């Protein structure tokens, strides 16, 4: 019996030694970028100035909500970005109409749809979330609410976008160009030092769309969804296809079932492809972030990427694609 106890103790000591060695190896591995958990911020496409601003906010102790709001505002202000905010391409009638939504770690959300004459729809969406009992305001009602909140009226149609619209009217053909004129969204997700998630999404919509058209970007569950227990997702591309699949909500629910962010994005794109035989003619892309700080991205067509920023710095990450 004494010998047996001695051998058991010796075996346990050897096991403990091996465990210590494994832990030491894991400790060394944790310095790799892929193992960085939080905080971090990501956004659709190569909008690096937006993620830089978002990172500035969260790295200085700000909330994920403030980070995503201020991050996407950078692109709303960029007149050279003709897919978001002021300077965005107009609809067929020459009107610039903006959509945006925002969602915080508590499940609160706000959205504006078909908003005109206001340069920062994401700010108005946050006001809807925080200052009203509603989730979504649209059209003239959203515009009037913005004025009541102190926002100033602004002409959103820039000379460049107007000139291009005038040229378009000569033929008036609506043929979305994959990954060019219609990568019409910046969707941003962030996790802050407390491990809380938030997301924002803003767009001027498809160029020369029918008046009144609304895509997925301001629709909670389609263009954006956040569940602070699980993760978050946002979309870009042809919004009609994202709405049909409730894509961002689907991805978060798949992550709840145990899918990684990458596999969840792949499954969401796969469902769109399966249901639409014309998938080769349009683009849809998703990005996702889970509670552990893991990210994923997938799209139909090659060419989609996302901007990633954590304490190691910033990088552009090309997304894998179905085609």
Protein backbone atom coordinates (compact mmCIF):
# COMPACT_ATOMS: atom_id res chain seq x y z
CA UNK A 1 0.00 0.00 0.00
CA UNK A 2 2.79 2.40 0.87
CA UNK A 3 4.53 1.63 -2.43
CA UNK A 4 1.29 2.20 -4.32
CA UNK A 5 0.84 5.59 -2.65
CA UNK A 6 4.40 6.49 -3.47
CA UNK A 7 3.93 5.60 -7.15
CA UNK A 8 0.66 7.54 -7.28
CA UNK A 9 2.35 10.60 -5.77
CA UNK A 10 5.24 10.29 -8.19
CA UNK A 11 2.79 10.01 -11.09
CA UNK A 12 0.93 13.10 -9.95
CA UNK A 13 4.20 15.02 -9.64
CA UNK A 14 5.15 14.07 -13.19
CA UNK A 15 1.71 15.09 -14.42
CA UNK A 16 1.99 18.43 -12.65
CA UNK A 17 5.38 19.01 -14.25
CA UNK A 18 3.99 18.32 -17.72
CA UNK A 19 1.03 20.61 -17.02
CA UNK A 20 3.38 23.42 -15.97
CA UNK A 21 5.34 23.01 -19.18
CA UNK A 22 2.17 23.13 -21.26
CA UNK A 23 0.99 26.24 -19.44
CA UNK A 24 4.34 27.88 -20.07
CA UNK A 25 3.99 27.14 -23.78
CA UNK A 26 0.46 28.54 -23.81
CA UNK A 27 1.70 31.65 -22.04
CA UNK A 28 4.25 32.21 -24.78
CA UNK A 29 1.60 31.62 -27.45
CA UNK A 30 -0.66 34.24 -25.88
CA UNK A 31 1.61 36.98 -27.18
CA UNK A 32 0.51 36.15 -30.71
CA UNK A 33 -1.91 38.55 -32.36
CA UNK A 34 -4.51 35.85 -33.00
CA UNK A 35 -4.87 35.32 -29.26
CA UNK A 36 -5.56 38.97 -28.44
CA UNK A 37 -9.06 39.11 -27.00
CA UNK A 38 -10.05 42.64 -26.08
CA UNK A 39 -10.50 45.40 -26.68
CA UNK A 40 -10.69 45.50 -30.47
CA UNK A 41 -12.69 47.00 -33.31
CA UNK A 42 -13.50 45.89 -36.84
CA UNK A 43 -15.42 47.32 -39.77
CA UNK A 44 -16.46 46.35 -43.27
CA UNK A 45 -14.11 47.22 -46.12
CA UNK A 46 -10.82 49.08 -45.82
CA UNK A 47 -12.11 52.07 -43.87
CA UNK A 48 -8.93 52.27 -41.82
CA UNK A 49 -9.45 55.82 -40.60
CA UNK A 50 -12.75 54.70 -39.12
CA UNK A 51 -11.25 51.82 -37.16
CA UNK A 52 -8.37 54.07 -36.09
CA UNK A 53 -10.88 56.48 -34.57
CA UNK A 54 -12.84 53.66 -32.98
CA UNK A 55 -9.65 52.22 -31.50
CA UNK A 56 -8.66 55.62 -30.15
CA UNK A 57 -11.93 55.74 -28.21
CA UNK A 58 -11.80 52.26 -26.69
CA UNK A 59 -8.06 52.27 -26.02
CA UNK A 60 -8.59 55.39 -23.93
CA UNK A 61 -11.22 53.66 -21.85
CA UNK A 62 -14.29 54.62 -23.87
CA UNK A 63 -17.27 52.36 -24.35
CA UNK A 64 -17.79 50.16 -27.38
CA UNK A 65 -20.93 52.19 -28.11
CA UNK A 66 -19.01 55.47 -28.30
CA UNK A 67 -16.30 53.75 -30.32
CA UNK A 68 -18.57 52.48 -33.08
CA UNK A 69 -20.52 55.73 -33.27
CA UNK A 70 -17.43 57.90 -33.58
CA UNK A 71 -15.76 55.41 -35.88
CA UNK A 72 -18.45 55.40 -38.55
CA UNK A 73 -18.84 59.17 -38.27
CA UNK A 74 -15.42 59.46 -39.91
CA UNK A 75 -16.81 57.98 -43.10
CA UNK A 76 -20.06 59.92 -42.87
CA UNK A 77 -17.91 63.08 -42.97
CA UNK A 78 -15.67 61.95 -45.83
CA UNK A 79 -16.93 63.63 -49.01
CA UNK A 80 -14.80 61.31 -51.13
CA UNK A 81 -16.70 58.30 -49.80
CA UNK A 82 -19.76 58.28 -52.03
CA UNK A 83 -21.46 55.39 -50.28
CA UNK A 84 -21.92 56.89 -46.81
CA UNK A 85 -23.16 60.19 -45.38
CA UNK A 86 -22.69 63.58 -47.00
CA UNK A 87 -21.45 63.14 -50.55
CA UNK A 88 -23.27 59.84 -50.94
CA UNK A 89 -24.69 59.05 -54.37
CA UNK A 90 -28.33 60.07 -54.74
CA UNK A 91 -31.39 58.08 -55.75
CA UNK A 92 -32.86 58.22 -59.25
CA UNK A 93 -34.50 61.56 -58.46
CA UNK A 94 -31.26 63.16 -57.29
CA UNK A 95 -32.05 62.98 -53.56
CA UNK A 96 -29.44 61.77 -51.09
CA UNK A 97 -31.21 59.62 -48.50
CA UNK A 98 -29.40 58.04 -45.57
CA UNK A 99 -30.02 55.00 -43.38
CA UNK A 100 -28.30 54.02 -40.14
CA UNK A 101 -28.70 51.98 -36.99
CA UNK A 102 -26.84 51.44 -33.73
CA UNK A 103 -27.08 48.81 -30.98
CA UNK A 104 -25.53 48.64 -27.53
CA UNK A 105 -24.55 45.94 -25.05
CA UNK A 106 -27.89 46.13 -23.25
CA UNK A 107 -29.87 45.25 -26.36
CA UNK A 108 -31.02 48.82 -26.90
CA UNK A 109 -31.11 50.00 -30.49
CA UNK A 110 -32.03 52.96 -32.65
CA UNK A 111 -32.49 53.45 -36.36
CA UNK A 112 -33.24 56.10 -38.97
CA UNK A 113 -34.57 55.33 -42.43
CA UNK A 114 -34.72 57.52 -45.55
CA UNK A 115 -33.26 60.48 -43.67
CA UNK A 116 -32.52 63.61 -45.70
CA UNK A 117 -30.55 66.81 -45.06
CA UNK A 118 -28.69 65.48 -41.99
CA UNK A 119 -24.98 64.68 -42.36
CA UNK A 120 -24.65 62.22 -39.47
CA UNK A 121 -27.51 59.71 -39.43
CA UNK A 122 -25.69 57.52 -36.91
CA UNK A 123 -25.94 60.31 -34.32
CA UNK A 124 -29.66 60.62 -34.96
CA UNK A 125 -30.06 56.85 -34.66
CA UNK A 126 -28.42 56.98 -31.24
CA UNK A 127 -30.75 59.79 -30.21
CA UNK A 128 -33.72 57.67 -31.28
CA UNK A 129 -32.37 54.90 -29.04
CA UNK A 130 -31.72 57.11 -26.04
CA UNK A 131 -34.35 59.86 -26.26
CA UNK A 132 -37.48 58.11 -27.54
CA UNK A 133 -39.48 54.98 -26.69
CA UNK A 134 -39.05 53.85 -30.31
CA UNK A 135 -36.49 51.90 -32.30
CA UNK A 136 -36.97 53.40 -35.76
CA UNK A 137 -37.93 56.76 -37.24
CA UNK A 138 -38.33 57.33 -40.98
CA UNK A 139 -38.40 60.05 -43.59
CA UNK A 140 -39.72 63.47 -42.65
CA UNK A 141 -40.44 62.31 -39.12
CA UNK A 142 -36.83 61.32 -38.62
CA UNK A 143 -35.66 64.61 -40.12
CA UNK A 144 -37.96 66.67 -37.88
CA UNK A 145 -36.79 64.73 -34.83
CA UNK A 146 -33.18 65.49 -35.78
CA UNK A 147 -33.91 69.22 -35.89
CA UNK A 148 -35.60 68.98 -32.49
CA UNK A 149 -32.43 67.34 -31.16
CA UNK A 150 -30.34 70.26 -32.43
CA UNK A 151 -28.99 68.87 -35.71
CA UNK A 152 -28.48 71.37 -38.52
CA UNK A 153 -29.88 71.10 -42.04
CA UNK A 154 -27.21 70.35 -44.61
CA UNK A 155 -27.12 69.90 -48.38
CA UNK A 156 -25.85 66.34 -48.82
CA UNK A 157 -25.52 66.34 -52.61
CA UNK A 158 -21.94 67.33 -53.45
CA UNK A 159 -20.87 68.63 -56.87
CA UNK A 160 -19.11 65.36 -57.66
CA UNK A 161 -22.07 63.16 -56.85
CA UNK A 162 -24.42 65.51 -58.69
CA UNK A 163 -22.26 65.48 -61.81
CA UNK A 164 -22.14 61.68 -61.81
CA UNK A 165 -25.89 61.51 -61.36
CA UNK A 166 -26.40 63.87 -64.31
CA UNK A 167 -24.23 61.58 -66.43
CA UNK A 168 -26.12 58.52 -65.23
CA UNK A 169 -29.46 60.07 -66.28
CA UNK A 170 -28.39 59.96 -69.93
CA UNK A 171 -28.88 56.20 -70.00
CA UNK A 172 -30.63 55.65 -66.64
CA UNK A 173 -29.49 52.04 -66.55
CA UNK A 174 -29.39 50.45 -63.16
CA UNK A 175 -26.63 47.87 -63.12
CA UNK A 176 -24.93 47.53 -59.74
CA UNK A 177 -21.19 47.12 -60.06
CA UNK A 178 -19.89 44.44 -57.74
CA UNK A 179 -17.51 45.80 -55.07
CA UNK A 180 -17.40 49.28 -56.58
CA UNK A 181 -20.37 51.62 -56.66
CA UNK A 182 -22.44 49.52 -54.33
CA UNK A 183 -20.20 48.56 -51.45
CA UNK A 184 -22.58 50.95 -49.85
CA UNK A 185 -22.16 50.35 -46.14
CA UNK A 186 -19.79 50.75 -43.26
CA UNK A 187 -20.71 48.33 -40.53
CA UNK A 188 -18.59 48.44 -37.38
CA UNK A 189 -18.33 46.18 -34.34
CA UNK A 190 -16.31 46.73 -31.18
CA UNK A 191 -15.57 45.12 -27.84
CA UNK A 192 -14.30 47.37 -25.05
CA UNK A 193 -12.09 46.79 -22.00
CA UNK A 194 -15.12 45.59 -20.02
CA UNK A 195 -15.86 42.96 -22.64
CA UNK A 196 -19.03 44.75 -23.78
CA UNK A 197 -20.06 44.70 -27.43
CA UNK A 198 -21.73 47.32 -29.60
CA UNK A 199 -22.28 47.88 -33.30
CA UNK A 200 -23.17 50.57 -35.83
CA UNK A 201 -24.11 50.59 -39.49
CA UNK A 202 -24.58 53.57 -41.85
CA UNK A 203 -25.06 54.04 -45.59
CA UNK A 204 -26.39 56.21 -48.39
CA UNK A 205 -27.74 53.09 -50.03
CA UNK A 206 -27.40 51.86 -53.57
CA UNK A 207 -26.51 54.49 -56.14
CA UNK A 208 -29.50 55.67 -58.19
CA UNK A 209 -31.92 53.44 -56.31
CA UNK A 210 -35.66 53.88 -56.72
CA UNK A 211 -36.95 56.72 -54.56
CA UNK A 212 -37.96 55.30 -51.20
CA UNK A 213 -35.81 52.18 -51.44
CA UNK A 214 -34.42 50.95 -48.11
CA UNK A 215 -31.92 48.12 -47.76
CA UNK A 216 -30.71 46.14 -44.79
CA UNK A 217 -28.48 48.74 -43.13
CA UNK A 218 -31.04 50.33 -40.77
CA UNK A 219 -32.85 47.06 -40.07
CA UNK A 220 -31.93 45.54 -36.71
CA UNK A 221 -31.29 41.84 -37.25
CA UNK A 222 -30.53 42.25 -40.94
CA UNK A 223 -27.75 44.80 -41.37
CA UNK A 224 -26.66 44.66 -37.72
CA UNK A 225 -27.26 42.62 -34.59
CA UNK A 226 -25.57 42.56 -31.18
CA UNK A 227 -26.08 40.10 -28.34
CA UNK A 228 -23.67 40.90 -25.54
CA UNK A 229 -23.75 37.31 -24.25
CA UNK A 230 -22.69 35.88 -27.60
CA UNK A 231 -21.36 38.27 -30.23
CA UNK A 232 -22.24 40.66 -33.03
CA UNK A 233 -22.45 40.76 -36.81
CA UNK A 234 -22.97 43.27 -39.59
CA UNK A 235 -23.45 43.12 -43.34
CA UNK A 236 -22.65 44.87 -46.60
CA UNK A 237 -23.67 44.44 -50.22
CA UNK A 238 -27.11 43.95 -51.73
CA UNK A 239 -29.36 44.66 -48.79
CA UNK A 240 -32.44 42.92 -50.18
CA UNK A 241 -30.67 39.58 -49.93
CA UNK A 242 -29.52 40.28 -46.38
CA UNK A 243 -33.06 41.25 -45.32
CA UNK A 244 -34.47 38.03 -46.76
CA UNK A 245 -32.12 35.97 -44.62
CA UNK A 246 -32.10 38.25 -41.54
CA UNK A 247 -28.38 37.74 -41.95
CA UNK A 248 -26.79 39.40 -38.94
CA UNK A 249 -29.24 37.88 -36.48
CA UNK A 250 -28.70 34.49 -38.12
CA UNK A 251 -24.94 34.74 -37.61
CA UNK A 252 -25.27 35.63 -33.93
CA UNK A 253 -27.69 32.76 -33.38
CA UNK A 254 -25.31 30.36 -35.12
CA UNK A 255 -22.54 31.54 -32.79
CA UNK A 256 -24.90 30.85 -29.89
CA UNK A 257 -25.12 27.28 -31.15
CA UNK A 258 -21.34 26.97 -31.08
CA UNK A 259 -20.30 28.12 -34.55
CA UNK A 260 -17.14 30.20 -34.77
CA UNK A 261 -17.59 33.71 -36.24
CA UNK A 262 -15.99 32.47 -39.46
CA UNK A 263 -18.20 29.39 -39.82
CA UNK A 264 -21.29 31.43 -38.95
CA UNK A 265 -20.53 33.95 -41.71
CA UNK A 266 -19.96 31.12 -44.17
CA UNK A 267 -23.27 29.51 -43.30
CA UNK A 268 -25.15 32.82 -43.69
CA UNK A 269 -23.68 33.42 -47.14
CA UNK A 270 -24.36 29.80 -48.06
CA UNK A 271 -28.04 30.20 -47.34
CA UNK A 272 -28.26 33.27 -49.57
CA UNK A 273 -26.47 31.48 -52.39
CA UNK A 274 -28.69 28.43 -52.05
CA UNK A 275 -31.88 30.45 -52.40
CA UNK A 276 -30.84 32.80 -55.21
CA UNK A 277 -29.52 31.29 -58.47
CA UNK A 278 -28.39 34.77 -59.57
CA UNK A 279 -25.82 35.01 -56.78
CA UNK A 280 -22.96 35.38 -59.28
CA UNK A 281 -24.31 38.81 -60.18
CA UNK A 282 -24.21 40.49 -56.78
CA UNK A 283 -22.16 40.80 -53.61
CA UNK A 284 -23.03 40.18 -49.98
CA UNK A 285 -20.45 40.13 -47.22
CA UNK A 286 -20.60 39.64 -43.45
CA UNK A 287 -18.22 40.25 -40.59
CA UNK A 288 -18.68 38.88 -37.09
CA UNK A 289 -17.13 39.20 -33.64
CA UNK A 290 -17.78 36.93 -30.69
CA UNK A 291 -17.50 37.51 -26.96
CA UNK A 292 -14.04 35.92 -26.87
CA UNK A 293 -12.71 38.44 -29.39
CA UNK A 294 -12.61 36.03 -32.32
CA UNK A 295 -13.56 37.45 -35.70
CA UNK A 296 -14.73 36.10 -39.03
CA UNK A 297 -15.68 37.31 -42.50
CA UNK A 298 -17.13 35.73 -45.63
CA UNK A 299 -18.65 36.95 -48.89
CA UNK A 300 -20.03 35.75 -52.21
CA UNK A 301 -17.59 37.45 -54.56
CA UNK A 302 -13.83 37.92 -54.12
CA UNK A 303 -12.81 41.45 -53.21
CA UNK A 304 -14.41 42.05 -49.82
CA UNK A 305 -12.18 42.79 -46.83
CA UNK A 306 -12.43 44.19 -43.34
CA UNK A 307 -10.36 46.53 -41.21
CA UNK A 308 -9.13 45.14 -37.87
CA UNK A 309 -7.59 47.13 -35.02
CA UNK A 310 -6.34 45.88 -31.66
CA UNK A 311 -3.41 46.66 -29.34
CA UNK A 312 -0.99 45.20 -31.88
CA UNK A 313 -2.09 47.80 -34.45
CA UNK A 314 -4.21 47.88 -37.56
CA UNK A 315 -4.44 45.56 -40.53
CA UNK A 316 -6.65 44.86 -43.51
CA UNK A 317 -7.99 41.31 -43.59
CA UNK A 318 -9.24 39.95 -46.93
CA UNK A 319 -12.37 37.85 -46.56
CA UNK A 320 -12.64 34.40 -48.06
CA UNK A 321 -15.41 34.04 -50.62
CA UNK A 322 -17.91 31.52 -51.96
CA UNK A 323 -16.85 32.07 -55.57
